[in-house]
């Protein structure tokens, strides 16, 4: 386990719909982020699950200040 990582049993996973609701974007936008590799996800059957921390990290890293 890499330093700073939590054990898998402590990781909260979100569905694509839940991620879309948190980010206030469409599910298609989340799928694009996952398929492009910008947002990590695991595949469970035919669906994806995104670690909750990955959503927070993406939003934090994407934040820009406007003038």
PDB file of N, CA and C in Angstrom:
ATOM      1  N   UNK A   1       0.846  -1.179   0.000  1.00  0.00           N
ATOM      2  CA  UNK A   1       0.000   0.000   0.000  1.00  0.00           C
ATOM      3  C   UNK A   1       0.890   1.240   0.000  1.00  0.00           C
ATOM      4  N   UNK A   2       0.584   2.209  -0.849  1.00  0.00           N
ATOM      5  CA  UNK A   2       1.336   3.443  -0.952  1.00  0.00           C
ATOM      6  C   UNK A   2       0.991   4.339   0.232  1.00  0.00           C
ATOM      7  N   UNK A   3       1.971   5.087   0.696  1.00  0.00           N
ATOM      8  CA  UNK A   3       1.739   5.979   1.829  1.00  0.00           C
ATOM      9  C   UNK A   3       0.597   6.938   1.520  1.00  0.00           C
ATOM     10  N   UNK A   4      -0.325   7.081   2.449  1.00  0.00           N
ATOM     11  CA  UNK A   4      -1.459   7.979   2.259  1.00  0.00           C
ATOM     12  C   UNK A   4      -2.704   7.299   1.706  1.00  0.00           C
ATOM     13  N   UNK A   5      -2.546   6.073   1.201  1.00  0.00           N
ATOM     14  CA  UNK A   5      -3.699   5.344   0.683  1.00  0.00           C
ATOM     15  C   UNK A   5      -4.427   4.642   1.809  1.00  0.00           C
ATOM     16  N   UNK A   6      -5.743   4.562   1.668  1.00  0.00           N
ATOM     17  CA  UNK A   6      -6.565   3.865   2.667  1.00  0.00           C
ATOM     18  C   UNK A   6      -6.795   2.438   2.198  1.00  0.00           C
ATOM     19  N   UNK A   7      -6.978   1.503   3.141  1.00  0.00           N
ATOM     20  CA  UNK A   7      -7.334   0.130   2.746  1.00  0.00           C
ATOM     21  C   UNK A   7      -8.658   0.132   1.970  1.00  0.00           C
ATOM     22  N   UNK A   8      -8.806  -0.795   1.051  1.00  0.00           N
ATOM     23  CA  UNK A   8     -10.004  -0.832   0.206  1.00  0.00           C
ATOM     24  C   UNK A   8     -11.293  -0.932   1.009  1.00  0.00           C
ATOM     25  N   UNK A   9     -11.243  -1.580   2.169  1.00  0.00           N
ATOM     26  CA  UNK A   9     -12.478  -1.698   2.949  1.00  0.00           C
ATOM     27  C   UNK A   9     -12.895  -0.364   3.575  1.00  0.00           C
ATOM     28  N   UNK A  10     -12.019   0.652   3.501  1.00  0.00           N
ATOM     29  CA  UNK A  10     -12.351   1.974   4.027  1.00  0.00           C
ATOM     30  C   UNK A  10     -12.674   2.984   2.916  1.00  0.00           C
ATOM     31  N   UNK A  11     -12.533   2.568   1.652  1.00  0.00           N
ATOM     32  CA  UNK A  11     -12.782   3.462   0.524  1.00  0.00           C
ATOM     33  C   UNK A  11     -14.273   3.463   0.192  1.00  0.00           C
ATOM     34  N   UNK A  12     -14.834   4.658   0.032  1.00  0.00           N
ATOM     35  CA  UNK A  12     -16.232   4.785  -0.396  1.00  0.00           C
ATOM     36  C   UNK A  12     -16.254   4.942  -1.904  1.00  0.00           C
ATOM     37  N   UNK A  13     -17.020   4.085  -2.567  1.00  0.00           N
ATOM     38  CA  UNK A  13     -17.138   4.154  -4.019  1.00  0.00           C
ATOM     39  C   UNK A  13     -18.486   4.745  -4.393  1.00  0.00           C
ATOM     40  N   UNK A  14     -18.480   5.580  -5.432  1.00  0.00           N
ATOM     41  CA  UNK A  14     -19.698   6.213  -5.919  1.00  0.00           C
ATOM     42  C   UNK A  14     -20.021   5.697  -7.315  1.00  0.00           C
ATOM     43  N   UNK A  15     -21.302   5.651  -7.631  1.00  0.00           N
ATOM     44  CA  UNK A  15     -21.716   5.313  -8.986  1.00  0.00           C
ATOM     45  C   UNK A  15     -21.501   6.527  -9.876  1.00  0.00           C
ATOM     46  N   UNK A  16     -21.577   6.305 -11.173  1.00  0.00           N
ATOM     47  CA  UNK A  16     -21.439   7.411 -12.127  1.00  0.00           C
ATOM     48  C   UNK A  16     -22.535   8.450 -11.884  1.00  0.00           C
ATOM     49  N   UNK A  17     -23.745   7.998 -11.602  1.00  0.00           N
ATOM     50  CA  UNK A  17     -24.846   8.932 -11.344  1.00  0.00           C
ATOM     51  C   UNK A  17     -24.578   9.761 -10.092  1.00  0.00           C
ATOM     52  N   UNK A  18     -24.021   9.137  -9.053  1.00  0.00           N
ATOM     53  CA  UNK A  18     -23.713   9.879  -7.826  1.00  0.00           C
ATOM     54  C   UNK A  18     -22.606  10.896  -8.063  1.00  0.00           C
ATOM     55  N   UNK A  19     -21.593  10.514  -8.838  1.00  0.00           N
ATOM     56  CA  UNK A  19     -20.510  11.451  -9.167  1.00  0.00           C
ATOM     57  C   UNK A  19     -21.070  12.633  -9.951  1.00  0.00           C
ATOM     58  N   UNK A  20     -21.933  12.342 -10.921  1.00  0.00           N
ATOM     59  CA  UNK A  20     -22.543  13.402 -11.726  1.00  0.00           C
ATOM     60  C   UNK A  20     -23.340  14.361 -10.848  1.00  0.00           C
ATOM     61  N   UNK A  21     -24.044  13.837  -9.857  1.00  0.00           N
ATOM     62  CA  UNK A  21     -24.828  14.686  -8.961  1.00  0.00           C
ATOM     63  C   UNK A  21     -23.919  15.563  -8.104  1.00  0.00           C
ATOM     64  N   UNK A  22     -22.828  14.993  -7.591  1.00  0.00           N
ATOM     65  CA  UNK A  22     -21.887  15.764  -6.770  1.00  0.00           C
ATOM     66  C   UNK A  22     -21.259  16.880  -7.587  1.00  0.00           C
ATOM     67  N   UNK A  23     -20.877  16.563  -8.832  1.00  0.00           N
ATOM     68  CA  UNK A  23     -20.195  17.537  -9.684  1.00  0.00           C
ATOM     69  C   UNK A  23     -21.155  18.449 -10.435  1.00  0.00           C
ATOM     70  N   UNK A  24     -22.443  18.097 -10.393  1.00  0.00           N
ATOM     71  CA  UNK A  24     -23.473  18.839 -11.139  1.00  0.00           C
ATOM     72  C   UNK A  24     -23.173  18.886 -12.633  1.00  0.00           C
ATOM     73  N   UNK A  25     -22.864  17.703 -13.169  1.00  0.00           N
ATOM     74  CA  UNK A  25     -22.645  17.526 -14.603  1.00  0.00           C
ATOM     75  C   UNK A  25     -23.465  16.321 -15.045  1.00  0.00           C
ATOM     76  N   UNK A  26     -23.459  16.037 -16.339  1.00  0.00           N
ATOM     77  CA  UNK A  26     -24.201  14.882 -16.836  1.00  0.00           C
ATOM     78  C   UNK A  26     -23.404  13.603 -16.600  1.00  0.00           C
ATOM     79  N   UNK A  27     -24.103  12.477 -16.646  1.00  0.00           N
ATOM     80  CA  UNK A  27     -23.430  11.193 -16.517  1.00  0.00           C
ATOM     81  C   UNK A  27     -22.441  10.998 -17.663  1.00  0.00           C
ATOM     82  N   UNK A  28     -22.773  11.496 -18.852  1.00  0.00           N
ATOM     83  CA  UNK A  28     -21.873  11.354 -20.003  1.00  0.00           C
ATOM     84  C   UNK A  28     -20.541  12.059 -19.744  1.00  0.00           C
ATOM     85  N   UNK A  29     -20.583  13.191 -19.068  1.00  0.00           N
ATOM     86  CA  UNK A  29     -19.345  13.908 -18.729  1.00  0.00           C
ATOM     87  C   UNK A  29     -18.478  13.048 -17.817  1.00  0.00           C
ATOM     88  N   UNK A  30     -19.090  12.399 -16.851  1.00  0.00           N
ATOM     89  CA  UNK A  30     -18.341  11.527 -15.943  1.00  0.00           C
ATOM     90  C   UNK A  30     -17.760  10.350 -16.726  1.00  0.00           C
ATOM     91  N   UNK A  31     -18.549   9.744 -17.620  1.00  0.00           N
ATOM     92  CA  UNK A  31     -18.028   8.648 -18.439  1.00  0.00           C
ATOM     93  C   UNK A  31     -16.831   9.111 -19.261  1.00  0.00           C
ATOM     94  N   UNK A  32     -16.890  10.305 -19.809  1.00  0.00           N
ATOM     95  CA  UNK A  32     -15.759  10.830 -20.597  1.00  0.00           C
ATOM     96  C   UNK A  32     -14.515  10.984 -19.729  1.00  0.00           C
ATOM     97  N   UNK A  33     -14.691  11.493 -18.504  1.00  0.00           N
ATOM     98  CA  UNK A  33     -13.562  11.649 -17.592  1.00  0.00           C
ATOM     99  C   UNK A  33     -12.952  10.289 -17.238  1.00  0.00           C
ATOM    100  N   UNK A  34     -13.794   9.303 -17.025  1.00  0.00           N
ATOM    101  CA  UNK A  34     -13.313   7.961 -16.689  1.00  0.00           C
ATOM    102  C   UNK A  34     -12.586   7.343 -17.881  1.00  0.00           C
ATOM    103  N   UNK A  35     -13.194   7.409 -19.061  1.00  0.00           N
ATOM    104  CA  UNK A  35     -12.590   6.792 -20.251  1.00  0.00           C
ATOM    105  C   UNK A  35     -11.305   7.484 -20.678  1.00  0.00           C
ATOM    106  N   UNK A  36     -11.189   8.785 -20.423  1.00  0.00           N
ATOM    107  CA  UNK A  36      -9.967   9.506 -20.792  1.00  0.00           C
ATOM    108  C   UNK A  36      -8.850   9.305 -19.773  1.00  0.00           C
ATOM    109  N   UNK A  37      -9.194   8.740 -18.618  1.00  0.00           N
ATOM    110  CA  UNK A  37      -8.192   8.525 -17.582  1.00  0.00           C
ATOM    111  C   UNK A  37      -8.022   9.692 -16.632  1.00  0.00           C
ATOM    112  N   UNK A  38      -8.813  10.753 -16.816  1.00  0.00           N
ATOM    113  CA  UNK A  38      -8.716  11.916 -15.936  1.00  0.00           C
ATOM    114  C   UNK A  38      -9.274  11.631 -14.547  1.00  0.00           C
ATOM    115  N   UNK A  39     -10.188  10.672 -14.454  1.00  0.00           N
ATOM    116  CA  UNK A  39     -10.771  10.301 -13.170  1.00  0.00           C
ATOM    117  C   UNK A  39     -10.645   8.782 -13.025  1.00  0.00           C
ATOM    118  N   UNK A  40      -9.956   8.324 -11.967  1.00  0.00           N
ATOM    119  CA  UNK A  40      -9.798   6.882 -11.792  1.00  0.00           C
ATOM    120  C   UNK A  40     -11.123   6.213 -11.429  1.00  0.00           C
ATOM    121  N   UNK A  41     -11.277   4.992 -11.882  1.00  0.00           N
ATOM    122  CA  UNK A  41     -12.489   4.230 -11.586  1.00  0.00           C
ATOM    123  C   UNK A  41     -12.157   2.750 -11.694  1.00  0.00           C
ATOM    124  N   UNK A  42     -12.996   1.944 -11.078  1.00  0.00           N
ATOM    125  CA  UNK A  42     -12.887   0.504 -11.253  1.00  0.00           C
ATOM    126  C   UNK A  42     -14.133   0.032 -11.961  1.00  0.00           C
ATOM    127  N   UNK A  43     -13.994  -1.045 -12.677  1.00  0.00           N
ATOM    128  CA  UNK A  43     -15.129  -1.600 -13.397  1.00  0.00           C
ATOM    129  C   UNK A  43     -15.723  -2.737 -12.574  1.00  0.00           C
ATOM    130  N   UNK A  44     -17.022  -2.693 -12.380  1.00  0.00           N
ATOM    131  CA  UNK A  44     -17.744  -3.748 -11.672  1.00  0.00           C
ATOM    132  C   UNK A  44     -18.807  -4.245 -12.641  1.00  0.00           C
ATOM    133  N   UNK A  45     -18.539  -5.385 -13.236  1.00  0.00           N
ATOM    134  CA  UNK A  45     -19.450  -5.877 -14.270  1.00  0.00           C
ATOM    135  C   UNK A  45     -19.411  -4.931 -15.456  1.00  0.00           C
ATOM    136  N   UNK A  46     -20.559  -4.374 -15.790  1.00  0.00           N
ATOM    137  CA  UNK A  46     -20.623  -3.433 -16.913  1.00  0.00           C
ATOM    138  C   UNK A  46     -20.672  -1.979 -16.454  1.00  0.00           C
ATOM    139  N   UNK A  47     -20.557  -1.749 -15.160  1.00  0.00           N
ATOM    140  CA  UNK A  47     -20.634  -0.375 -14.648  1.00  0.00           C
ATOM    141  C   UNK A  47     -19.320   0.033 -13.996  1.00  0.00           C
ATOM    142  N   UNK A  48     -19.197   1.296 -13.694  1.00  0.00           N
ATOM    143  CA  UNK A  48     -18.002   1.846 -13.078  1.00  0.00           C
ATOM    144  C   UNK A  48     -18.313   2.327 -11.669  1.00  0.00           C
ATOM    145  N   UNK A  49     -17.305   2.276 -10.815  1.00  0.00           N
ATOM    146  CA  UNK A  49     -17.371   2.856  -9.483  1.00  0.00           C
ATOM    147  C   UNK A  49     -16.152   3.753  -9.318  1.00  0.00           C
ATOM    148  N   UNK A  50     -16.387   4.935  -8.797  1.00  0.00           N
ATOM    149  CA  UNK A  50     -15.335   5.938  -8.645  1.00  0.00           C
ATOM    150  C   UNK A  50     -15.072   6.151  -7.156  1.00  0.00           C
ATOM    151  N   UNK A  51     -13.812   6.077  -6.737  1.00  0.00           N
ATOM    152  CA  UNK A  51     -13.522   6.359  -5.328  1.00  0.00           C
ATOM    153  C   UNK A  51     -13.936   7.792  -4.986  1.00  0.00           C
ATOM    154  N   UNK A  52     -14.618   7.964  -3.880  1.00  0.00           N
ATOM    155  CA  UNK A  52     -15.104   9.290  -3.491  1.00  0.00           C
ATOM    156  C   UNK A  52     -13.959  10.301  -3.408  1.00  0.00           C
ATOM    157  N   UNK A  53     -12.820   9.878  -2.889  1.00  0.00           N
ATOM    158  CA  UNK A  53     -11.680  10.789  -2.764  1.00  0.00           C
ATOM    159  C   UNK A  53     -11.200  11.257  -4.130  1.00  0.00           C
ATOM    160  N   UNK A  54     -11.323  10.419  -5.166  1.00  0.00           N
ATOM    161  CA  UNK A  54     -10.915  10.800  -6.517  1.00  0.00           C
ATOM    162  C   UNK A  54     -11.757  11.953  -7.032  1.00  0.00           C
ATOM    163  N   UNK A  55     -13.030  11.978  -6.676  1.00  0.00           N
ATOM    164  CA  UNK A  55     -13.908  13.077  -7.082  1.00  0.00           C
ATOM    165  C   UNK A  55     -13.452  14.366  -6.408  1.00  0.00           C
ATOM    166  N   UNK A  56     -13.192  14.292  -5.113  1.00  0.00           N
ATOM    167  CA  UNK A  56     -12.734  15.482  -4.380  1.00  0.00           C
ATOM    168  C   UNK A  56     -11.382  15.966  -4.910  1.00  0.00           C
ATOM    169  N   UNK A  57     -10.480  15.030  -5.203  1.00  0.00           N
ATOM    170  CA  UNK A  57      -9.169  15.397  -5.743  1.00  0.00           C
ATOM    171  C   UNK A  57      -9.313  16.065  -7.109  1.00  0.00           C
ATOM    172  N   UNK A  58     -10.167  15.505  -7.964  1.00  0.00           N
ATOM    173  CA  UNK A  58     -10.371  16.079  -9.295  1.00  0.00           C
ATOM    174  C   UNK A  58     -10.907  17.506  -9.191  1.00  0.00           C
ATOM    175  N   UNK A  59     -11.902  17.702  -8.346  1.00  0.00           N
ATOM    176  CA  UNK A  59     -12.483  19.041  -8.196  1.00  0.00           C
ATOM    177  C   UNK A  59     -11.466  20.018  -7.617  1.00  0.00           C
ATOM    178  N   UNK A  60     -10.689  19.577  -6.637  1.00  0.00           N
ATOM    179  CA  UNK A  60      -9.674  20.444  -6.036  1.00  0.00           C
ATOM    180  C   UNK A  60      -8.614  20.830  -7.078  1.00  0.00           C
ATOM    181  N   UNK A  61      -8.150  19.848  -7.856  1.00  0.00           N
ATOM    182  CA  UNK A  61      -7.105  20.106  -8.847  1.00  0.00           C
ATOM    183  C   UNK A  61      -7.615  20.907 -10.042  1.00  0.00           C
ATOM    184  N   UNK A  62      -8.916  20.890 -10.284  1.00  0.00           N
ATOM    185  CA  UNK A  62      -9.500  21.604 -11.422  1.00  0.00           C
ATOM    186  C   UNK A  62      -9.936  23.024 -11.077  1.00  0.00           C
ATOM    187  N   UNK A  63      -9.862  23.374  -9.813  1.00  0.00           N
ATOM    188  CA  UNK A  63     -10.333  24.687  -9.356  1.00  0.00           C
ATOM    189  C   UNK A  63      -9.457  25.777  -9.962  1.00  0.00           C
ATOM    190  N   UNK A  64     -10.100  26.802 -10.524  1.00  0.00           N
ATOM    191  CA  UNK A  64      -9.361  27.952 -11.076  1.00  0.00           C
ATOM    192  C   UNK A  64      -9.974  29.240 -10.505  1.00  0.00           C
ATOM    193  N   UNK A  65      -9.123  30.180 -10.260  1.00  0.00           N
ATOM    194  CA  UNK A  65      -9.579  31.497  -9.806  1.00  0.00           C
ATOM    195  C   UNK A  65      -9.865  32.360 -11.021  1.00  0.00           C
ATOM    196  N   UNK A  66     -10.901  33.172 -10.939  1.00  0.00           N
ATOM    197  CA  UNK A  66     -11.211  34.092 -12.023  1.00  0.00           C
ATOM    198  C   UNK A  66     -10.960  35.512 -11.547  1.00  0.00           C
ATOM    199  N   UNK A  67     -10.673  36.348 -12.486  1.00  0.00           N
ATOM    200  CA  UNK A  67     -10.351  37.746 -12.138  1.00  0.00           C
ATOM    201  C   UNK A  67     -11.605  38.556 -11.895  1.00  0.00           C
TER     202      UNK A  67
END
